[in-house]
All heavy atoms as atom14 arrays in JSON, in Angstrom:
{
  "sequence": "RDPDEERRLAYVALTRAIEQVTITWCDFRQGGSTM",
  "atom14_mask": [
    [1, 1, 1, 1, 1, 1, 1, 1, 1, 1, 1, 0, 0, 0],
    [1, 1, 1, 1, 1, 1, 1, 1, 0, 0, 0, 0, 0, 0],
    [1, 1, 1, 1, 1, 1, 1, 0, 0, 0, 0, 0, 0, 0],
    [1, 1, 1, 1, 1, 1, 1, 1, 0, 0, 0, 0, 0, 0],
    [1, 1, 1, 1, 1, 1, 1, 1, 1, 0, 0, 0, 0, 0],
    [1, 1, 1, 1, 1, 1, 1, 1, 1, 0, 0, 0, 0, 0],
    [1, 1, 1, 1, 1, 1, 1, 1, 1, 1, 1, 0, 0, 0],
    [1, 1, 1, 1, 1, 1, 1, 1, 1, 1, 1, 0, 0, 0],
    [1, 1, 1, 1, 1, 1, 1, 1, 0, 0, 0, 0, 0, 0],
    [1, 1, 1, 1, 1, 0, 0, 0, 0, 0, 0, 0, 0, 0],
    [1, 1, 1, 1, 1, 1, 1, 1, 1, 1, 1, 1, 0, 0],
    [1, 1, 1, 1, 1, 1, 1, 0, 0, 0, 0, 0, 0, 0],
    [1, 1, 1, 1, 1, 0, 0, 0, 0, 0, 0, 0, 0, 0],
    [1, 1, 1, 1, 1, 1, 1, 1, 0, 0, 0, 0, 0, 0],
    [1, 1, 1, 1, 1, 1, 1, 0, 0, 0, 0, 0, 0, 0],
    [1, 1, 1, 1, 1, 1, 1, 1, 1, 1, 1, 0, 0, 0],
    [1, 1, 1, 1, 1, 0, 0, 0, 0, 0, 0, 0, 0, 0],
    [1, 1, 1, 1, 1, 1, 1, 1, 0, 0, 0, 0, 0, 0],
    [1, 1, 1, 1, 1, 1, 1, 1, 1, 0, 0, 0, 0, 0],
    [1, 1, 1, 1, 1, 1, 1, 1, 1, 0, 0, 0, 0, 0],
    [1, 1, 1, 1, 1, 1, 1, 0, 0, 0, 0, 0, 0, 0],
    [1, 1, 1, 1, 1, 1, 1, 0, 0, 0, 0, 0, 0, 0],
    [1, 1, 1, 1, 1, 1, 1, 1, 0, 0, 0, 0, 0, 0],
    [1, 1, 1, 1, 1, 1, 1, 0, 0, 0, 0, 0, 0, 0],
    [1, 1, 1, 1, 1, 1, 1, 1, 1, 1, 1, 1, 1, 1],
    [1, 1, 1, 1, 1, 1, 0, 0, 0, 0, 0, 0, 0, 0],
    [1, 1, 1, 1, 1, 1, 1, 1, 0, 0, 0, 0, 0, 0],
    [1, 1, 1, 1, 1, 1, 1, 1, 1, 1, 1, 0, 0, 0],
    [1, 1, 1, 1, 1, 1, 1, 1, 1, 1, 1, 0, 0, 0],
    [1, 1, 1, 1, 1, 1, 1, 1, 1, 0, 0, 0, 0, 0],
    [1, 1, 1, 1, 0, 0, 0, 0, 0, 0, 0, 0, 0, 0],
    [1, 1, 1, 1, 0, 0, 0, 0, 0, 0, 0, 0, 0, 0],
    [1, 1, 1, 1, 1, 1, 0, 0, 0, 0, 0, 0, 0, 0],
    [1, 1, 1, 1, 1, 1, 1, 0, 0, 0, 0, 0, 0, 0],
    [1, 1, 1, 1, 1, 1, 1, 1, 0, 0, 0, 0, 0, 0]
  ],
  "atom14_positions": [
    [[0.82, -1.2, 0.0], [0.0, 0.0, 0.0], [0.86, 1.26, 0.0], [1.96, 1.3, 0.53], [-0.95, -0.01, 1.21], [-2.0, -1.13, 1.11], [-3.19, -0.82, 2.01], [-4.24, -1.82, 1.79], [-4.44, -2.86, 2.57], [-3.66, -3.06, 3.59], [-5.41, -3.71, 2.32], [0.0, 0.0, 0.0], [0.0, 0.0, 0.0], [0.0, 0.0, 0.0]],
    [[0.3, 2.32, -0.58], [0.97, 3.62, -0.68], [0.88, 4.31, 0.69], [-0.21, 4.65, 1.15], [0.27, 4.45, -1.76], [0.86, 5.83, -1.9], [1.76, 6.2, -1.11], [0.44, 6.57, -2.81], [0.0, 0.0, 0.0], [0.0, 0.0, 0.0], [0.0, 0.0, 0.0], [0.0, 0.0, 0.0], [0.0, 0.0, 0.0], [0.0, 0.0, 0.0]],
    [[2.0, 4.55, 1.38], [1.95, 5.14, 2.72], [1.34, 6.54, 2.72], [0.67, 6.92, 3.7], [3.42, 5.16, 3.16], [4.22, 5.04, 1.9], [3.38, 4.23, 0.97], [0.0, 0.0, 0.0], [0.0, 0.0, 0.0], [0.0, 0.0, 0.0], [0.0, 0.0, 0.0], [0.0, 0.0, 0.0], [0.0, 0.0, 0.0], [0.0, 0.0, 0.0]],
    [[1.56, 7.31, 1.65], [0.97, 8.64, 1.59], [-0.55, 8.58, 1.45], [-1.28, 9.37, 2.06], [1.57, 9.44, 0.43], [3.06, 9.73, 0.64], [3.48, 9.78, 1.82], [3.78, 9.89, -0.36], [0.0, 0.0, 0.0], [0.0, 0.0, 0.0], [0.0, 0.0, 0.0], [0.0, 0.0, 0.0], [0.0, 0.0, 0.0], [0.0, 0.0, 0.0]],
    [[-1.02, 7.6, 0.67], [-2.46, 7.43, 0.52], [-3.08, 6.97, 1.84], [-4.18, 7.4, 2.21], [-2.76, 6.4, -0.58], [-4.23, 6.01, -0.72], [-5.15, 7.15, -1.08], [-4.66, 8.23, -1.5], [-6.38, 6.97, -0.96], [0.0, 0.0, 0.0], [0.0, 0.0, 0.0], [0.0, 0.0, 0.0], [0.0, 0.0, 0.0], [0.0, 0.0, 0.0]],
    [[-2.38, 6.11, 2.57], [-2.86, 5.67, 3.87], [-3.0, 6.86, 4.83], [-3.97, 6.96, 5.57], [-1.9, 4.64, 4.47], [-1.79, 3.35, 3.68], [-3.0, 2.46, 3.87], [-3.1, 1.75, 4.89], [-3.88, 2.47, 2.97], [0.0, 0.0, 0.0], [0.0, 0.0, 0.0], [0.0, 0.0, 0.0], [0.0, 0.0, 0.0], [0.0, 0.0, 0.0]],
    [[-2.03, 7.76, 4.78], [-2.09, 8.94, 5.64], [-3.28, 9.82, 5.28], [-3.98, 10.35, 6.15], [-0.78, 9.73, 5.51], [-0.74, 10.99, 6.37], [0.6, 11.68, 6.26], [1.66, 10.82, 6.76], [1.9, 10.59, 8.05], [1.13, 11.17, 8.96], [2.87, 9.81, 8.42], [0.0, 0.0, 0.0], [0.0, 0.0, 0.0], [0.0, 0.0, 0.0]],
    [[-3.53, 9.98, 3.98], [-4.67, 10.79, 3.56], [-5.98, 10.15, 4.0], [-6.94, 10.85, 4.36], [-4.63, 11.01, 2.05], [-3.52, 11.98, 1.61], [-3.61, 12.34, 0.15], [-3.13, 11.26, -0.72], [-1.86, 11.12, -1.1], [-0.93, 11.97, -0.66], [-1.5, 10.13, -1.89], [0.0, 0.0, 0.0], [0.0, 0.0, 0.0], [0.0, 0.0, 0.0]],
    [[-6.03, 8.81, 3.99], [-7.23, 8.12, 4.46], [-7.42, 8.33, 5.97], [-8.55, 8.44, 6.45], [-7.15, 6.64, 4.14], [-7.39, 6.25, 2.68], [-7.11, 4.78, 2.47], [-8.83, 6.59, 2.26], [0.0, 0.0, 0.0], [0.0, 0.0, 0.0], [0.0, 0.0, 0.0], [0.0, 0.0, 0.0], [0.0, 0.0, 0.0], [0.0, 0.0, 0.0]],
    [[-6.31, 8.36, 6.7], [-6.4, 8.62, 8.14], [-7.0, 10.01, 8.38], [-7.84, 10.2, 9.27], [-5.01, 8.53, 8.78], [0.0, 0.0, 0.0], [0.0, 0.0, 0.0], [0.0, 0.0, 0.0], [0.0, 0.0, 0.0], [0.0, 0.0, 0.0], [0.0, 0.0, 0.0], [0.0, 0.0, 0.0], [0.0, 0.0, 0.0], [0.0, 0.0, 0.0]],
    [[-6.56, 10.96, 7.57], [-7.09, 12.32, 7.68], [-8.58, 12.35, 7.36], [-9.38, 12.98, 8.06], [-6.31, 13.25, 6.74], [-6.9, 14.63, 6.62], [-6.75, 15.56, 7.65], [-7.6, 15.01, 5.47], [-7.29, 16.83, 7.55], [-8.13, 16.28, 5.36], [-7.99, 17.19, 6.4], [-8.52, 18.43, 6.29], [0.0, 0.0, 0.0], [0.0, 0.0, 0.0]],
    [[-8.97, 11.65, 6.29], [-10.38, 11.57, 5.91], [-11.19, 10.99, 7.06], [-12.24, 11.52, 7.45], [-10.56, 10.71, 4.64], [-12.03, 10.34, 4.44], [-10.04, 11.44, 3.42], [0.0, 0.0, 0.0], [0.0, 0.0, 0.0], [0.0, 0.0, 0.0], [0.0, 0.0, 0.0], [0.0, 0.0, 0.0], [0.0, 0.0, 0.0], [0.0, 0.0, 0.0]],
    [[-10.71, 9.88, 7.63], [-11.45, 9.2, 8.69], [-11.64, 10.1, 9.9], [-12.75, 10.22, 10.45], [-10.72, 7.91, 9.09], [0.0, 0.0, 0.0], [0.0, 0.0, 0.0], [0.0, 0.0, 0.0], [0.0, 0.0, 0.0], [0.0, 0.0, 0.0], [0.0, 0.0, 0.0], [0.0, 0.0, 0.0], [0.0, 0.0, 0.0], [0.0, 0.0, 0.0]],
    [[-10.58, 10.75, 10.33], [-10.65, 11.6, 11.52], [-11.59, 12.79, 11.32], [-12.28, 13.21, 12.25], [-9.26, 12.1, 11.9], [-8.33, 11.08, 12.55], [-6.91, 11.62, 12.59], [-8.81, 10.75, 13.96], [0.0, 0.0, 0.0], [0.0, 0.0, 0.0], [0.0, 0.0, 0.0], [0.0, 0.0, 0.0], [0.0, 0.0, 0.0], [0.0, 0.0, 0.0]],
    [[-11.6, 13.33, 10.12], [-12.38, 14.54, 9.88], [-13.82, 14.26, 9.47], [-14.55, 15.18, 9.1], [-11.69, 15.41, 8.82], [-11.48, 14.63, 7.63], [-10.38, 15.96, 9.32], [0.0, 0.0, 0.0], [0.0, 0.0, 0.0], [0.0, 0.0, 0.0], [0.0, 0.0, 0.0], [0.0, 0.0, 0.0], [0.0, 0.0, 0.0], [0.0, 0.0, 0.0]],
    [[-14.26, 12.99, 9.55], [-15.68, 12.7, 9.32], [-16.51, 13.0, 10.56], [-17.73, 13.08, 10.49], [-15.89, 11.23, 8.94], [-15.23, 10.73, 7.66], [-15.45, 11.64, 6.47], [-14.41, 12.65, 6.41], [-14.5, 13.77, 5.68], [-15.59, 14.02, 4.98], [-13.51, 14.64, 5.66], [0.0, 0.0, 0.0], [0.0, 0.0, 0.0], [0.0, 0.0, 0.0]],
    [[-15.86, 13.16, 11.71], [-16.58, 13.36, 12.97], [-16.85, 14.83, 13.22], [-15.93, 15.66, 13.17], [-15.78, 12.77, 14.12], [0.0, 0.0, 0.0], [0.0, 0.0, 0.0], [0.0, 0.0, 0.0], [0.0, 0.0, 0.0], [0.0, 0.0, 0.0], [0.0, 0.0, 0.0], [0.0, 0.0, 0.0], [0.0, 0.0, 0.0], [0.0, 0.0, 0.0]],
    [[-18.1, 15.16, 13.5], [-18.47, 16.55, 13.81], [-18.23, 16.85, 15.29], [-17.74, 17.92, 15.64], [-19.96, 16.79, 13.47], [-20.2, 16.59, 11.97], [-20.4, 18.19, 13.89], [-21.66, 16.6, 11.57], [0.0, 0.0, 0.0], [0.0, 0.0, 0.0], [0.0, 0.0, 0.0], [0.0, 0.0, 0.0], [0.0, 0.0, 0.0], [0.0, 0.0, 0.0]],
    [[-18.56, 15.9, 16.17], [-18.47, 16.17, 17.6], [-17.45, 15.28, 18.33], [-16.74, 15.76, 19.2], [-19.85, 15.99, 18.25], [-20.86, 17.02, 17.79], [-22.22, 16.83, 18.45], [-22.32, 15.98, 19.37], [-23.16, 17.53, 18.04], [0.0, 0.0, 0.0], [0.0, 0.0, 0.0], [0.0, 0.0, 0.0], [0.0, 0.0, 0.0], [0.0, 0.0, 0.0]],
    [[-17.44, 13.98, 18.0], [-16.59, 13.07, 18.76], [-16.04, 11.97, 17.86], [-16.77, 11.39, 17.07], [-17.39, 12.42, 19.89], [-16.62, 11.4, 20.71], [-15.52, 12.04, 21.55], [-15.78, 12.74, 22.51], [-14.27, 11.81, 21.17], [0.0, 0.0, 0.0], [0.0, 0.0, 0.0], [0.0, 0.0, 0.0], [0.0, 0.0, 0.0], [0.0, 0.0, 0.0]],
    [[-14.72, 11.72, 17.99], [-14.1, 10.63, 17.24], [-13.39, 9.71, 18.23], [-12.8, 10.16, 19.21], [-13.12, 11.16, 16.16], [-11.99, 11.95, 16.79], [-12.58, 10.02, 15.32], [0.0, 0.0, 0.0], [0.0, 0.0, 0.0], [0.0, 0.0, 0.0], [0.0, 0.0, 0.0], [0.0, 0.0, 0.0], [0.0, 0.0, 0.0], [0.0, 0.0, 0.0]],
    [[-13.5, 8.41, 17.96], [-12.92, 7.4, 18.83], [-12.05, 6.46, 18.01], [-12.51, 5.91, 17.0], [-14.02, 6.58, 19.53], [-14.9, 7.46, 20.23], [-13.4, 5.57, 20.5], [0.0, 0.0, 0.0], [0.0, 0.0, 0.0], [0.0, 0.0, 0.0], [0.0, 0.0, 0.0], [0.0, 0.0, 0.0], [0.0, 0.0, 0.0], [0.0, 0.0, 0.0]],
    [[-10.81, 6.28, 18.4], [-9.89, 5.36, 17.73], [-9.67, 4.17, 18.66], [-9.43, 4.33, 19.86], [-8.53, 6.04, 17.45], [-8.7, 7.17, 16.43], [-7.51, 5.03, 16.94], [-7.45, 8.01, 16.24], [0.0, 0.0, 0.0], [0.0, 0.0, 0.0], [0.0, 0.0, 0.0], [0.0, 0.0, 0.0], [0.0, 0.0, 0.0], [0.0, 0.0, 0.0]],
    [[-9.77, 2.96, 18.1], [-9.52, 1.77, 18.9], [-8.55, 0.83, 18.2], [-8.39, 0.87, 16.99], [-10.84, 1.01, 19.2], [-11.45, 0.63, 17.96], [-11.8, 1.87, 20.0], [0.0, 0.0, 0.0], [0.0, 0.0, 0.0], [0.0, 0.0, 0.0], [0.0, 0.0, 0.0], [0.0, 0.0, 0.0], [0.0, 0.0, 0.0], [0.0, 0.0, 0.0]],
    [[-7.92, -0.03, 18.97], [-7.0, -1.03, 18.45], [-7.01, -2.21, 19.42], [-7.55, -2.1, 20.52], [-5.59, -0.46, 18.31], [-5.0, 0.08, 19.57], [-5.2, 1.32, 20.12], [-4.14, -0.62, 20.48], [-4.51, 1.44, 21.31], [-3.85, 0.26, 21.55], [-3.57, -1.89, 20.49], [-3.02, -0.09, 22.61], [-2.75, -2.26, 21.54], [-2.48, -1.34, 22.59]],
    [[-6.48, -3.34, 19.01], [-6.41, -4.48, 19.92], [-5.06, -5.17, 19.85], [-4.29, -5.0, 18.9], [-7.55, -5.46, 19.7], [-7.92, -5.89, 18.02], [0.0, 0.0, 0.0], [0.0, 0.0, 0.0], [0.0, 0.0, 0.0], [0.0, 0.0, 0.0], [0.0, 0.0, 0.0], [0.0, 0.0, 0.0], [0.0, 0.0, 0.0], [0.0, 0.0, 0.0]],
    [[-4.77, -5.95, 20.89], [-3.48, -6.63, 21.01], [-3.34, -7.8, 20.05], [-2.25, -8.12, 19.6], [-3.29, -7.15, 22.45], [-3.15, -6.03, 23.46], [-2.48, -5.03, 23.15], [-3.71, -6.16, 24.56], [0.0, 0.0, 0.0], [0.0, 0.0, 0.0], [0.0, 0.0, 0.0], [0.0, 0.0, 0.0], [0.0, 0.0, 0.0], [0.0, 0.0, 0.0]],
    [[-4.48, -8.46, 19.75], [-4.46, -9.64, 18.89], [-5.56, -9.53, 17.83], [-6.69, -9.21, 18.15], [-4.68, -10.93, 19.71], [-3.63, -11.15, 20.76], [-3.83, -10.71, 22.05], [-2.45, -11.82, 20.45], [-2.87, -10.9, 23.02], [-1.48, -12.02, 21.41], [-1.69, -11.57, 22.7], [0.0, 0.0, 0.0], [0.0, 0.0, 0.0], [0.0, 0.0, 0.0]],
    [[-5.17, -9.79, 16.58], [-6.15, -9.8, 15.49], [-5.72, -10.88, 14.5], [-4.55, -11.0, 14.18], [-6.25, -8.44, 14.81], [-7.47, -8.33, 13.87], [-7.54, -6.96, 13.21], [-7.7, -5.89, 14.17], [-8.87, -5.5, 14.68], [-9.98, -6.1, 14.3], [-8.92, -4.5, 15.54], [0.0, 0.0, 0.0], [0.0, 0.0, 0.0], [0.0, 0.0, 0.0]],
    [[-6.67, -11.66, 14.04], [-6.42, -12.76, 13.1], [-5.32, -13.69, 13.59], [-4.43, -14.09, 12.85], [-6.08, -12.22, 11.71], [-7.29, -11.68, 10.97], [-7.07, -11.57, 9.48], [-5.95, -11.44, 9.02], [-8.14, -11.62, 8.73], [0.0, 0.0, 0.0], [0.0, 0.0, 0.0], [0.0, 0.0, 0.0], [0.0, 0.0, 0.0], [0.0, 0.0, 0.0]],
    [[-5.37, -14.0, 14.88], [-4.46, -15.0, 15.43], [-3.05, -14.52, 15.71], [-2.22, -15.29, 16.17], [0.0, 0.0, 0.0], [0.0, 0.0, 0.0], [0.0, 0.0, 0.0], [0.0, 0.0, 0.0], [0.0, 0.0, 0.0], [0.0, 0.0, 0.0], [0.0, 0.0, 0.0], [0.0, 0.0, 0.0], [0.0, 0.0, 0.0], [0.0, 0.0, 0.0]],
    [[-2.75, -13.25, 15.45], [-1.41, -12.74, 15.69], [-1.41, -11.51, 16.56], [-2.41, -10.8, 16.65], [0.0, 0.0, 0.0], [0.0, 0.0, 0.0], [0.0, 0.0, 0.0], [0.0, 0.0, 0.0], [0.0, 0.0, 0.0], [0.0, 0.0, 0.0], [0.0, 0.0, 0.0], [0.0, 0.0, 0.0], [0.0, 0.0, 0.0], [0.0, 0.0, 0.0]],
    [[-0.29, -11.26, 17.22], [-0.19, -10.07, 18.06], [0.08, -8.85, 17.18], [0.63, -8.96, 16.09], [0.94, -10.23, 19.09], [2.18, -10.41, 18.43], [0.0, 0.0, 0.0], [0.0, 0.0, 0.0], [0.0, 0.0, 0.0], [0.0, 0.0, 0.0], [0.0, 0.0, 0.0], [0.0, 0.0, 0.0], [0.0, 0.0, 0.0], [0.0, 0.0, 0.0]],
    [[-0.33, -7.71, 17.67], [-0.15, -6.49, 16.91], [0.18, -5.34, 17.86], [0.35, -5.55, 19.06], [-1.41, -6.18, 16.08], [-1.18, -5.02, 15.27], [-2.62, -5.93, 16.96], [0.0, 0.0, 0.0], [0.0, 0.0, 0.0], [0.0, 0.0, 0.0], [0.0, 0.0, 0.0], [0.0, 0.0, 0.0], [0.0, 0.0, 0.0], [0.0, 0.0, 0.0]],
    [[0.26, -4.15, 17.33], [0.57, -2.98, 18.14], [-0.16, -1.78, 17.54], [-0.61, -1.82, 16.4], [2.08, -2.72, 18.18], [2.71, -2.58, 16.83], [4.49, -2.2, 16.86], [5.04, -3.05, 18.29], [0.0, 0.0, 0.0], [0.0, 0.0, 0.0], [0.0, 0.0, 0.0], [0.0, 0.0, 0.0], [0.0, 0.0, 0.0], [0.0, 0.0, 0.0]]
  ]
}
């Protein structure tokens, strides 16, 4: 994936919220550990 395009998508996602935005992540996904 294009890292610059990923960053622009992050910006799009964050700016869809008018009042409140929540970011979540987890320690394990699809059987593997993550960060």
